[in-house]
Amino acid sequence: MYFISNPTFATDSAWWPRRVNSSQAASSTAKPIPRLASLFDEARALLNSFDQATLMWIPRHRNSEADALARAALGLAGHRIVKPSRKRR
């Protein structure tokens, strides 16, 4: 039997690690989202069940293989979502 004690979970959403990582969640100035509170609690509990767990953000453009697999699973393999650029003034 194998046990994992120090996993790293990667996401292309910068929002989740900021919300779920307990040290940052406590100091976050963002408003809580009531309908997601139970999911955040569950994610924190799962992360805390490991000796040490890391939840980290990887930008989509640096993880194109995983992005392509996720799009294929959702039936979006040929579609690319393009967000309008934000121009600085």
N, C-alpha and C. Protein backbone atom coordinates (compact mmCIF):
# COMPACT_ATOMS: atom_id res chain seq x y z
N MET A 1 0.84 -1.17 0.00
CA MET A 1 0.00 0.00 0.00
C MET A 1 0.90 1.24 0.00
N TYR A 2 0.48 2.25 -0.75
CA TYR A 2 1.25 3.49 -0.84
C TYR A 2 0.50 4.63 -0.17
N PHE A 3 1.23 5.50 0.45
CA PHE A 3 0.63 6.67 1.08
C PHE A 3 1.29 7.91 0.51
N ILE A 4 0.50 8.92 0.26
CA ILE A 4 1.01 10.19 -0.23
C ILE A 4 0.96 11.16 0.94
N SER A 5 2.09 11.75 1.27
CA SER A 5 2.11 12.64 2.43
C SER A 5 2.35 14.10 2.06
N ASN A 6 2.94 14.37 0.88
CA ASN A 6 3.27 15.75 0.50
C ASN A 6 2.85 16.04 -0.95
N PRO A 7 1.58 15.97 -1.28
CA PRO A 7 1.16 16.19 -2.66
C PRO A 7 1.18 17.68 -3.04
N THR A 8 1.30 17.92 -4.34
CA THR A 8 1.16 19.26 -4.89
C THR A 8 0.01 19.21 -5.88
N PHE A 9 -0.94 20.09 -5.71
CA PHE A 9 -2.09 20.19 -6.60
C PHE A 9 -1.93 21.47 -7.40
N ALA A 10 -2.05 21.37 -8.71
CA ALA A 10 -1.88 22.53 -9.57
C ALA A 10 -3.20 22.88 -10.24
N THR A 11 -3.45 24.17 -10.41
CA THR A 11 -4.66 24.66 -11.05
C THR A 11 -4.31 25.83 -11.94
N ASP A 12 -5.09 26.03 -13.00
CA ASP A 12 -4.86 27.19 -13.84
C ASP A 12 -5.73 28.37 -13.39
N SER A 13 -6.37 28.22 -12.27
CA SER A 13 -7.16 29.30 -11.68
C SER A 13 -6.37 29.91 -10.52
N ALA A 14 -5.98 31.16 -10.65
CA ALA A 14 -5.24 31.83 -9.58
C ALA A 14 -6.14 32.07 -8.37
N TRP A 15 -7.42 32.06 -8.58
CA TRP A 15 -8.40 32.37 -7.54
C TRP A 15 -8.47 31.30 -6.47
N TRP A 16 -8.48 30.02 -6.88
CA TRP A 16 -8.64 28.92 -5.92
C TRP A 16 -7.54 28.84 -4.88
N PRO A 17 -6.27 28.86 -5.28
CA PRO A 17 -5.24 28.78 -4.23
C PRO A 17 -5.32 29.92 -3.22
N ARG A 18 -5.66 31.12 -3.69
CA ARG A 18 -5.78 32.25 -2.76
C ARG A 18 -6.92 32.03 -1.78
N ARG A 19 -8.00 31.43 -2.24
CA ARG A 19 -9.17 31.22 -1.38
C ARG A 19 -9.03 30.01 -0.47
N VAL A 20 -8.40 28.95 -0.95
CA VAL A 20 -8.39 27.69 -0.22
C VAL A 20 -7.21 27.59 0.75
N ASN A 21 -6.04 28.10 0.35
CA ASN A 21 -4.89 28.03 1.25
C ASN A 21 -5.23 28.75 2.54
N SER A 22 -5.23 28.01 3.61
CA SER A 22 -5.72 28.54 4.89
C SER A 22 -4.97 29.77 5.37
N SER A 23 -3.67 29.84 5.16
CA SER A 23 -2.92 31.01 5.65
C SER A 23 -3.32 32.27 4.90
N GLN A 24 -3.62 32.14 3.62
CA GLN A 24 -4.03 33.30 2.86
C GLN A 24 -5.51 33.59 3.01
N ALA A 25 -6.32 32.56 3.21
CA ALA A 25 -7.76 32.77 3.32
C ALA A 25 -8.10 33.63 4.52
N ALA A 26 -7.37 33.45 5.60
CA ALA A 26 -7.65 34.21 6.82
C ALA A 26 -7.33 35.68 6.64
N SER A 27 -6.33 35.98 5.81
CA SER A 27 -5.94 37.37 5.64
C SER A 27 -6.54 38.00 4.39
N SER A 28 -7.34 37.25 3.66
CA SER A 28 -7.92 37.76 2.43
C SER A 28 -8.94 38.86 2.72
N THR A 29 -8.90 39.89 1.89
CA THR A 29 -9.86 40.98 2.04
C THR A 29 -11.07 40.77 1.14
N ALA A 30 -11.05 39.71 0.33
CA ALA A 30 -12.17 39.43 -0.56
C ALA A 30 -13.38 38.97 0.25
N LYS A 31 -14.55 39.32 -0.25
CA LYS A 31 -15.79 38.91 0.42
C LYS A 31 -15.98 37.41 0.29
N PRO A 32 -16.45 36.76 1.34
CA PRO A 32 -16.72 35.32 1.25
C PRO A 32 -17.90 35.05 0.31
N ILE A 33 -17.90 33.89 -0.30
CA ILE A 33 -18.97 33.50 -1.21
C ILE A 33 -19.75 32.39 -0.51
N PRO A 34 -20.92 32.73 0.05
CA PRO A 34 -21.67 31.77 0.87
C PRO A 34 -21.95 30.44 0.19
N ARG A 35 -22.31 30.43 -1.09
CA ARG A 35 -22.67 29.17 -1.75
C ARG A 35 -21.46 28.26 -1.96
N LEU A 36 -20.24 28.81 -1.85
CA LEU A 36 -19.03 28.00 -2.01
C LEU A 36 -18.34 27.68 -0.69
N ALA A 37 -18.85 28.22 0.40
CA ALA A 37 -18.20 28.06 1.71
C ALA A 37 -17.98 26.60 2.07
N SER A 38 -18.95 25.75 1.83
CA SER A 38 -18.79 24.33 2.19
C SER A 38 -17.71 23.66 1.33
N LEU A 39 -17.60 24.09 0.07
CA LEU A 39 -16.55 23.53 -0.79
C LEU A 39 -15.16 23.97 -0.34
N PHE A 40 -15.03 25.23 0.07
CA PHE A 40 -13.76 25.72 0.59
C PHE A 40 -13.39 24.95 1.86
N ASP A 41 -14.37 24.76 2.73
CA ASP A 41 -14.13 24.01 3.98
C ASP A 41 -13.69 22.58 3.68
N GLU A 42 -14.35 21.95 2.72
CA GLU A 42 -13.99 20.57 2.35
C GLU A 42 -12.59 20.52 1.75
N ALA A 43 -12.26 21.48 0.87
CA ALA A 43 -10.93 21.51 0.26
C ALA A 43 -9.85 21.73 1.33
N ARG A 44 -10.10 22.64 2.26
CA ARG A 44 -9.14 22.88 3.35
C ARG A 44 -8.96 21.62 4.21
N ALA A 45 -10.06 20.94 4.51
CA ALA A 45 -9.98 19.72 5.31
C ALA A 45 -9.17 18.64 4.59
N LEU A 46 -9.39 18.50 3.28
CA LEU A 46 -8.63 17.52 2.52
C LEU A 46 -7.15 17.88 2.48
N LEU A 47 -6.83 19.15 2.27
CA LEU A 47 -5.43 19.58 2.26
C LEU A 47 -4.78 19.36 3.62
N ASN A 48 -5.54 19.60 4.69
CA ASN A 48 -5.01 19.43 6.04
C ASN A 48 -4.86 17.96 6.44
N SER A 49 -5.44 17.05 5.66
CA SER A 49 -5.31 15.63 5.98
C SER A 49 -3.94 15.07 5.58
N PHE A 50 -3.16 15.84 4.83
CA PHE A 50 -1.81 15.45 4.45
C PHE A 50 -0.80 16.07 5.41
N ASP A 51 0.38 15.45 5.49
CA ASP A 51 1.44 16.03 6.31
C ASP A 51 1.75 17.45 5.83
N GLN A 52 1.88 17.58 4.52
CA GLN A 52 2.11 18.88 3.90
C GLN A 52 1.53 18.80 2.50
N ALA A 53 0.65 19.71 2.15
CA ALA A 53 0.06 19.73 0.81
C ALA A 53 0.19 21.14 0.26
N THR A 54 0.37 21.21 -1.04
CA THR A 54 0.52 22.50 -1.69
C THR A 54 -0.52 22.63 -2.79
N LEU A 55 -1.18 23.75 -2.84
CA LEU A 55 -2.11 24.08 -3.91
C LEU A 55 -1.51 25.28 -4.62
N MET A 56 -1.14 25.10 -5.88
CA MET A 56 -0.45 26.17 -6.58
C MET A 56 -1.09 26.51 -7.91
N TRP A 57 -0.86 27.73 -8.34
CA TRP A 57 -1.39 28.24 -9.59
C TRP A 57 -0.34 28.13 -10.68
N ILE A 58 -0.75 27.60 -11.83
CA ILE A 58 0.09 27.57 -13.02
C ILE A 58 -0.71 28.26 -14.12
N PRO A 59 -0.18 29.34 -14.69
CA PRO A 59 -0.91 30.03 -15.76
C PRO A 59 -1.21 29.09 -16.93
N ARG A 60 -2.37 29.27 -17.54
CA ARG A 60 -2.78 28.41 -18.65
C ARG A 60 -1.74 28.35 -19.75
N HIS A 61 -1.15 29.49 -20.07
CA HIS A 61 -0.19 29.51 -21.18
C HIS A 61 1.09 28.72 -20.86
N ARG A 62 1.31 28.39 -19.59
CA ARG A 62 2.47 27.58 -19.21
C ARG A 62 2.09 26.12 -18.99
N ASN A 63 0.84 25.79 -19.22
CA ASN A 63 0.37 24.43 -19.00
C ASN A 63 -0.57 24.04 -20.13
N SER A 64 -0.11 24.21 -21.35
CA SER A 64 -0.96 24.01 -22.52
C SER A 64 -1.43 22.57 -22.68
N GLU A 65 -0.62 21.59 -22.27
CA GLU A 65 -1.02 20.19 -22.40
C GLU A 65 -2.23 19.89 -21.51
N ALA A 66 -2.18 20.33 -20.25
CA ALA A 66 -3.31 20.10 -19.34
C ALA A 66 -4.53 20.88 -19.80
N ASP A 67 -4.31 22.09 -20.31
CA ASP A 67 -5.43 22.90 -20.81
C ASP A 67 -6.10 22.19 -21.99
N ALA A 68 -5.31 21.62 -22.88
CA ALA A 68 -5.86 20.90 -24.03
C ALA A 68 -6.64 19.66 -23.59
N LEU A 69 -6.12 18.94 -22.58
CA LEU A 69 -6.84 17.76 -22.07
C LEU A 69 -8.16 18.15 -21.42
N ALA A 70 -8.15 19.24 -20.66
CA ALA A 70 -9.38 19.70 -20.02
C ALA A 70 -10.40 20.13 -21.06
N ARG A 71 -9.95 20.85 -22.09
CA ARG A 71 -10.86 21.28 -23.16
C ARG A 71 -11.44 20.08 -23.90
N ALA A 72 -10.60 19.07 -24.15
CA ALA A 72 -11.08 17.87 -24.84
C ALA A 72 -12.13 17.16 -24.00
N ALA A 73 -11.92 17.09 -22.69
CA ALA A 73 -12.88 16.43 -21.80
C ALA A 73 -14.21 17.16 -21.78
N LEU A 74 -14.17 18.47 -21.98
CA LEU A 74 -15.39 19.27 -21.98
C LEU A 74 -16.00 19.41 -23.37
N GLY A 75 -15.36 18.79 -24.37
CA GLY A 75 -15.85 18.90 -25.74
C GLY A 75 -15.51 20.22 -26.38
N LEU A 76 -14.49 20.88 -25.88
CA LEU A 76 -14.09 22.19 -26.39
C LEU A 76 -12.73 22.13 -27.08
N ALA A 77 -12.33 20.95 -27.53
CA ALA A 77 -10.97 20.77 -28.06
C ALA A 77 -10.62 21.76 -29.16
N GLY A 78 -11.53 22.04 -30.04
CA GLY A 78 -11.23 22.96 -31.15
C GLY A 78 -11.54 24.41 -30.85
N HIS A 79 -12.10 24.68 -29.69
CA HIS A 79 -12.50 26.05 -29.36
C HIS A 79 -11.51 26.67 -28.40
N ARG A 80 -11.21 27.89 -28.62
CA ARG A 80 -10.31 28.62 -27.72
C ARG A 80 -11.07 29.82 -27.20
N ILE A 81 -11.15 29.95 -25.90
CA ILE A 81 -11.83 31.10 -25.31
C ILE A 81 -10.85 32.25 -25.28
N VAL A 82 -11.21 33.33 -25.94
CA VAL A 82 -10.33 34.50 -25.99
C VAL A 82 -10.98 35.61 -25.18
N LYS A 83 -10.23 36.09 -24.23
CA LYS A 83 -10.71 37.19 -23.40
C LYS A 83 -10.18 38.49 -23.98
N PRO A 84 -10.99 39.53 -23.97
CA PRO A 84 -10.49 40.81 -24.47
C PRO A 84 -9.32 41.29 -23.61
N SER A 85 -8.35 41.88 -24.27
CA SER A 85 -7.18 42.36 -23.52
C SER A 85 -7.54 43.64 -22.79
N ARG A 86 -6.87 43.82 -21.68
CA ARG A 86 -7.06 45.03 -20.88
C ARG A 86 -5.90 45.96 -21.17
N LYS A 87 -6.20 47.04 -21.78
CA LYS A 87 -5.14 48.00 -22.13
C LYS A 87 -4.92 48.94 -20.96
N ARG A 88 -3.66 49.13 -20.65
CA ARG A 88 -3.30 50.08 -19.60
C ARG A 88 -3.20 51.47 -20.21
N ARG A 89 -3.62 52.41 -19.44
CA ARG A 89 -3.52 53.79 -19.91
C ARG A 89 -2.61 54.56 -19.03
